[in-house]
Protein backbone atom coordinates (compact mmCIF):
# COMPACT_ATOMS: atom_id res chain seq x y z
CA UNK A 1 -19.04 -124.99 -18.68
CA UNK A 2 -21.71 -122.28 -18.71
CA UNK A 3 -22.34 -121.19 -22.28
CA UNK A 4 -22.24 -117.49 -23.11
CA UNK A 5 -25.03 -116.02 -25.26
CA UNK A 6 -24.88 -112.61 -26.94
CA UNK A 7 -28.23 -111.15 -28.08
CA UNK A 8 -28.61 -107.90 -29.98
CA UNK A 9 -31.74 -105.82 -29.43
CA UNK A 10 -32.55 -107.50 -26.11
CA UNK A 11 -34.18 -104.71 -24.11
CA UNK A 12 -37.71 -105.50 -25.30
CA UNK A 13 -39.86 -107.75 -27.48
CA UNK A 14 -38.50 -110.98 -28.88
CA UNK A 15 -34.92 -110.27 -27.81
CA UNK A 16 -35.91 -109.71 -24.18
CA UNK A 17 -38.08 -112.85 -24.20
CA UNK A 18 -35.22 -114.96 -25.58
CA UNK A 19 -32.71 -113.51 -23.11
CA UNK A 20 -34.98 -114.04 -20.11
CA UNK A 21 -35.80 -117.60 -21.11
CA UNK A 22 -32.16 -118.57 -21.70
CA UNK A 23 -31.11 -116.87 -18.45
CA UNK A 24 -33.66 -119.02 -16.62
CA UNK A 25 -32.25 -122.10 -18.38
CA UNK A 26 -28.82 -121.39 -16.90
CA UNK A 27 -27.02 -119.66 -19.76
CA UNK A 28 -24.85 -116.63 -19.17
CA UNK A 29 -26.71 -114.05 -21.23
CA UNK A 30 -25.49 -110.66 -22.41
CA UNK A 31 -28.02 -108.51 -24.23
CA UNK A 32 -27.52 -105.24 -26.05
CA UNK A 33 -29.41 -101.98 -26.20
CA UNK A 34 -28.68 -98.53 -27.53
CA UNK A 35 -29.57 -97.20 -24.07
CA UNK A 36 -28.89 -99.91 -21.46
CA UNK A 37 -29.18 -97.40 -18.62
CA UNK A 38 -32.92 -97.20 -19.32
CA UNK A 39 -33.37 -100.83 -18.24
CA UNK A 40 -31.85 -101.11 -14.76
CA UNK A 41 -34.06 -104.06 -13.82
CA UNK A 42 -33.10 -106.37 -16.70
CA UNK A 43 -32.56 -109.92 -15.39
CA UNK A 44 -29.44 -110.21 -17.56
CA UNK A 45 -26.77 -107.56 -18.22
CA UNK A 46 -27.23 -105.17 -21.14
CA UNK A 47 -24.22 -103.69 -22.93
CA UNK A 48 -24.35 -100.59 -25.11
CA UNK A 49 -24.54 -101.25 -28.84
CA UNK A 50 -25.68 -99.21 -31.83
CA UNK A 51 -26.10 -101.77 -34.59
CA UNK A 52 -25.47 -99.15 -37.32
CA UNK A 53 -22.06 -98.24 -35.85
CA UNK A 54 -19.18 -100.67 -36.51
CA UNK A 55 -17.03 -99.31 -33.68
CA UNK A 56 -19.96 -99.71 -31.26
CA UNK A 57 -20.42 -103.33 -32.34
CA UNK A 58 -16.73 -104.07 -31.90
CA UNK A 59 -16.69 -102.42 -28.47
CA UNK A 60 -19.74 -104.40 -27.32
CA UNK A 61 -18.21 -107.72 -28.41
CA UNK A 62 -14.90 -106.78 -26.72
CA UNK A 63 -16.83 -105.89 -23.56
CA UNK A 64 -18.49 -109.32 -23.42
CA UNK A 65 -15.22 -111.13 -24.15
CA UNK A 66 -13.48 -109.18 -21.39
CA UNK A 67 -16.14 -110.29 -18.91
CA UNK A 68 -16.81 -113.85 -20.07
CA UNK A 69 -13.75 -114.86 -22.11
CA UNK A 70 -15.80 -116.46 -24.87
CA UNK A 71 -19.02 -116.21 -26.90
CA UNK A 72 -20.79 -119.47 -27.70
CA UNK A 73 -24.06 -118.28 -29.22
CA UNK A 74 -24.86 -115.05 -31.07
CA UNK A 75 -28.47 -114.14 -31.74
CA UNK A 76 -28.72 -111.33 -34.30
CA UNK A 77 -32.12 -110.07 -33.25
CA UNK A 78 -31.93 -106.26 -33.56
CA UNK A 79 -34.09 -105.02 -36.41
CA UNK A 80 -36.62 -102.40 -37.39
CA UNK A 81 -39.71 -102.32 -39.55
CA UNK A 82 -40.51 -99.96 -42.39
CA UNK A 83 -43.69 -99.48 -44.37
CA UNK A 84 -44.91 -97.40 -47.25
CA UNK A 85 -45.25 -97.26 -51.03
CA UNK A 86 -41.75 -97.51 -52.49
CA UNK A 87 -42.37 -94.28 -54.43
CA UNK A 88 -43.04 -92.36 -51.22
CA UNK A 89 -40.39 -93.74 -48.83
CA UNK A 90 -37.41 -91.37 -48.55
CA UNK A 91 -34.30 -93.10 -49.89
CA UNK A 92 -32.40 -92.25 -46.71
CA UNK A 93 -34.98 -94.21 -44.69
CA UNK A 94 -34.45 -97.20 -46.99
CA UNK A 95 -30.68 -96.99 -46.44
CA UNK A 96 -31.14 -96.74 -42.67
CA UNK A 97 -33.35 -99.82 -42.67
CA UNK A 98 -30.72 -101.85 -44.51
CA UNK A 99 -28.06 -100.53 -42.12
CA UNK A 100 -30.02 -101.98 -39.20
CA UNK A 101 -31.53 -105.14 -40.69
CA UNK A 102 -28.69 -106.28 -42.95
CA UNK A 103 -25.38 -104.49 -42.47
CA UNK A 104 -25.70 -104.51 -38.67
CA UNK A 105 -25.99 -108.31 -38.44
CA UNK A 106 -23.17 -108.66 -40.98
CA UNK A 107 -20.88 -106.53 -38.81
CA UNK A 108 -21.85 -108.48 -35.69
CA UNK A 109 -20.88 -111.71 -37.46
CA UNK A 110 -17.58 -110.17 -38.55
CA UNK A 111 -16.89 -109.12 -34.96
CA UNK A 112 -17.56 -112.52 -33.36
CA UNK A 113 -16.19 -114.91 -35.99
CA UNK A 114 -12.50 -114.52 -35.02
CA UNK A 115 -13.33 -115.59 -31.45
CA UNK A 116 -15.50 -118.48 -32.61
CA UNK A 117 -12.75 -119.66 -34.97
CA UNK A 118 -10.29 -119.58 -32.08
CA UNK A 119 -12.73 -121.65 -30.00
CA UNK A 120 -13.43 -123.92 -32.98
CA UNK A 121 -17.07 -123.72 -31.97
CA UNK A 122 -20.04 -121.38 -32.01
CA UNK A 123 -23.59 -120.87 -33.18
CA UNK A 124 -24.91 -117.80 -34.97
CA UNK A 125 -28.68 -117.38 -35.22
CA UNK A 126 -29.91 -114.63 -37.53
CA UNK A 127 -33.48 -113.51 -36.86
CA UNK A 128 -35.09 -112.70 -40.20
CA UNK A 129 -38.81 -112.75 -41.02
CA UNK A 130 -41.38 -114.75 -42.93
CA UNK A 131 -41.80 -111.47 -44.86
CA UNK A 132 -38.27 -112.08 -46.16
CA UNK A 133 -39.53 -114.97 -48.30
CA UNK A 134 -41.84 -112.80 -50.40
CA UNK A 135 -42.22 -109.22 -51.59
CA UNK A 136 -45.17 -107.85 -49.63
CA UNK A 137 -47.01 -104.71 -50.77
CA UNK A 138 -46.00 -101.63 -48.78
CA UNK A 139 -43.40 -103.74 -46.95
CA UNK A 140 -41.04 -104.25 -49.87
CA UNK A 141 -38.02 -102.64 -48.20
CA UNK A 142 -38.46 -104.73 -45.06
CA UNK A 143 -38.95 -107.90 -47.12
CA UNK A 144 -35.81 -107.11 -49.12
CA UNK A 145 -33.58 -106.44 -46.08
CA UNK A 146 -34.69 -109.63 -44.32
CA UNK A 147 -34.55 -111.68 -47.52
CA UNK A 148 -30.98 -110.51 -48.10
CA UNK A 149 -30.02 -111.64 -44.59
CA UNK A 150 -31.49 -115.08 -45.35
CA UNK A 151 -29.13 -115.44 -48.34
CA UNK A 152 -26.14 -114.11 -46.39
CA UNK A 153 -26.90 -116.76 -43.76
CA UNK A 154 -26.78 -119.50 -46.39
CA UNK A 155 -23.44 -118.29 -47.72
CA UNK A 156 -21.73 -117.75 -44.36
CA UNK A 157 -22.89 -121.16 -43.15
CA UNK A 158 -20.78 -122.79 -45.87
CA UNK A 159 -17.82 -120.47 -45.32
CA UNK A 160 -17.40 -121.21 -41.61
CA UNK A 161 -18.56 -124.82 -41.30
CA UNK A 162 -14.98 -126.18 -41.37
CA UNK A 163 -14.17 -124.04 -38.30
CA UNK A 164 -16.81 -125.81 -36.22
CA UNK A 165 -19.19 -122.84 -36.43
CA UNK A 166 -22.88 -123.34 -37.16
CA UNK A 167 -25.04 -120.65 -38.76
CA UNK A 168 -28.81 -120.72 -39.02
CA UNK A 169 -31.71 -118.34 -39.31
CA UNK A 170 -35.12 -118.13 -37.69
CA UNK A 171 -37.92 -116.38 -39.56
CA UNK A 172 -40.76 -115.32 -37.26
CA UNK A 173 -44.24 -114.36 -38.34
CA UNK A 174 -46.27 -111.79 -36.42
CA UNK A 175 -45.54 -111.63 -32.70
CA UNK A 176 -47.10 -109.38 -30.09
CA UNK A 177 -44.24 -106.88 -29.62
CA UNK A 178 -43.69 -103.13 -29.86
CA UNK A 179 -42.17 -103.36 -33.36
CA UNK A 180 -45.05 -101.36 -34.84
CA UNK A 181 -44.21 -98.42 -32.57
CA UNK A 182 -40.57 -98.48 -33.60
CA UNK A 183 -40.92 -98.94 -37.36
CA UNK A 184 -40.74 -96.13 -39.88
CA UNK A 185 -44.14 -95.42 -41.41
CA UNK A 186 -44.25 -93.40 -44.57
CA UNK A 187 -47.23 -91.13 -43.88
CA UNK A 188 -50.54 -91.77 -45.58
CA UNK A 189 -50.66 -88.68 -47.79
CA UNK A 190 -54.15 -87.34 -48.50
CA UNK A 191 -54.71 -87.25 -52.24
CA UNK A 192 -51.85 -89.69 -52.91
CA UNK A 193 -52.45 -92.38 -55.52
CA UNK A 194 -51.70 -94.89 -52.72
CA UNK A 195 -53.66 -93.25 -49.89
CA UNK A 196 -56.62 -95.63 -49.82
CA UNK A 197 -54.86 -98.97 -50.30
CA UNK A 198 -51.83 -98.11 -48.17
CA UNK A 199 -54.00 -96.79 -45.36
CA UNK A 200 -55.98 -100.02 -45.21
CA UNK A 201 -52.85 -102.18 -45.44
CA UNK A 202 -51.10 -100.24 -42.67
CA UNK A 203 -54.07 -100.66 -40.33
CA UNK A 204 -54.17 -104.40 -41.07
CA UNK A 205 -50.42 -104.79 -40.42
CA UNK A 206 -50.67 -103.10 -37.03
CA UNK A 207 -53.65 -105.27 -36.13
CA UNK A 208 -51.74 -108.44 -37.04
CA UNK A 209 -48.84 -107.45 -34.78
CA UNK A 210 -51.15 -106.57 -31.88
CA UNK A 211 -52.84 -109.98 -32.14
CA UNK A 212 -49.61 -111.86 -32.83
CA UNK A 213 -48.16 -114.87 -31.05
CA UNK A 214 -46.48 -114.78 -27.64
CA UNK A 215 -42.73 -113.99 -27.93
CA UNK A 216 -42.15 -116.87 -25.50
CA UNK A 217 -42.80 -119.17 -28.47
CA UNK A 218 -39.74 -117.70 -30.20
CA UNK A 219 -37.64 -118.09 -27.05
CA UNK A 220 -38.57 -121.75 -26.75
CA UNK A 221 -37.80 -122.32 -30.43
CA UNK A 222 -34.35 -120.71 -30.09
CA UNK A 223 -33.61 -122.87 -27.05
CA UNK A 224 -34.57 -126.02 -28.98
CA UNK A 225 -32.34 -124.99 -31.90
CA UNK A 226 -29.44 -124.44 -29.51
CA UNK A 227 -29.79 -128.05 -28.29
CA UNK A 228 -29.62 -129.49 -31.81
CA UNK A 229 -26.33 -131.13 -32.79
CA UNK A 230 -26.92 -130.15 -36.41
CA UNK A 231 -29.35 -127.22 -36.64
CA UNK A 232 -31.28 -126.80 -39.85
CA UNK A 233 -30.36 -123.85 -42.05
CA UNK A 234 -33.84 -122.28 -41.99
CA UNK A 235 -36.60 -122.25 -39.38
CA UNK A 236 -40.01 -120.60 -39.64
CA UNK A 237 -41.88 -119.79 -36.43
CA UNK A 238 -45.41 -118.43 -36.28
CA UNK A 239 -49.02 -119.01 -37.23
CA UNK A 240 -49.70 -121.92 -39.59
CA UNK A 241 -51.03 -119.79 -42.46
CA UNK A 242 -48.02 -117.49 -42.32
CA UNK A 243 -45.67 -120.47 -42.57
CA UNK A 244 -47.86 -122.10 -45.22
CA UNK A 245 -47.66 -118.95 -47.36
CA UNK A 246 -43.99 -119.82 -48.01
CA UNK A 247 -44.98 -123.26 -49.25
CA UNK A 248 -47.60 -121.73 -51.55
CA UNK A 249 -45.01 -119.38 -53.02
CA UNK A 250 -42.87 -122.38 -53.95
CA UNK A 251 -45.64 -124.30 -55.68
CA UNK A 252 -47.92 -121.69 -57.25
CA UNK A 253 -47.19 -119.81 -60.48
CA UNK A 254 -45.82 -116.36 -59.70
CA UNK A 255 -48.82 -114.40 -60.95
CA UNK A 256 -51.28 -116.71 -59.18
CA UNK A 257 -49.41 -116.13 -55.93
CA UNK A 258 -49.33 -112.40 -56.60
CA UNK A 259 -53.09 -112.39 -57.18
CA UNK A 260 -53.60 -114.26 -53.90
CA UNK A 261 -51.56 -111.67 -52.00
CA UNK A 262 -53.39 -108.79 -53.66
CA UNK A 263 -56.72 -110.29 -52.68
CA UNK A 264 -55.49 -110.72 -49.11
CA UNK A 265 -54.42 -107.07 -48.95
CA UNK A 266 -57.54 -105.91 -50.85
CA UNK A 267 -55.50 -104.28 -53.61
């Protein structure tokens, strides 16, 4: 039986790469976009979904179930970046980021779990970030939202295991996508106490994304995870040093690790 895959945020970047790859592998793929009509040439169907709107999420899941009758794999990929000194990021922007990166995936899981329980099978893959394993300067809000999703993943995995449902997360490093264009940037304010260091850090972040890995690497990793009988709880995908930074955080004293990060970011 052809498995049905539901991918949020699949009109571009990592989500599009995953959807295209799985479509080519023979899966029945449904992606989501806030504006699916803008992508008439997508190789897999896109359904309308605003990840910050619970009714939109429920309608999108109902749409897929009406067409396919089941959902076997959910890939919670939709997410947005945010940068800036905590002191200078508007609180409303922080809330909006958590709505997209944390509460959105939670509501997607809530919407699909009843169907997966009825099937007594299913796989949920939450896309987080290597940044979610550490508090990064000027990316603290992003790190926090992705880190929170990591912990939610751990908890939900235990809650639904007896129903035959598997939950895992994949934390990517920097990939060559358009995430930098879509993220909220607190402006570099001339005369701000943070202007010099934040300006340099922001330029470095954008450079890392532009020179990041091919999103196809993420697609291949997701496919491999989907073939596993017992997926691991956590996966990290990306450049060696980005993955190794998580290991260093585990073994180094906190202030030593902090000093290493500050040197890296020239703070």
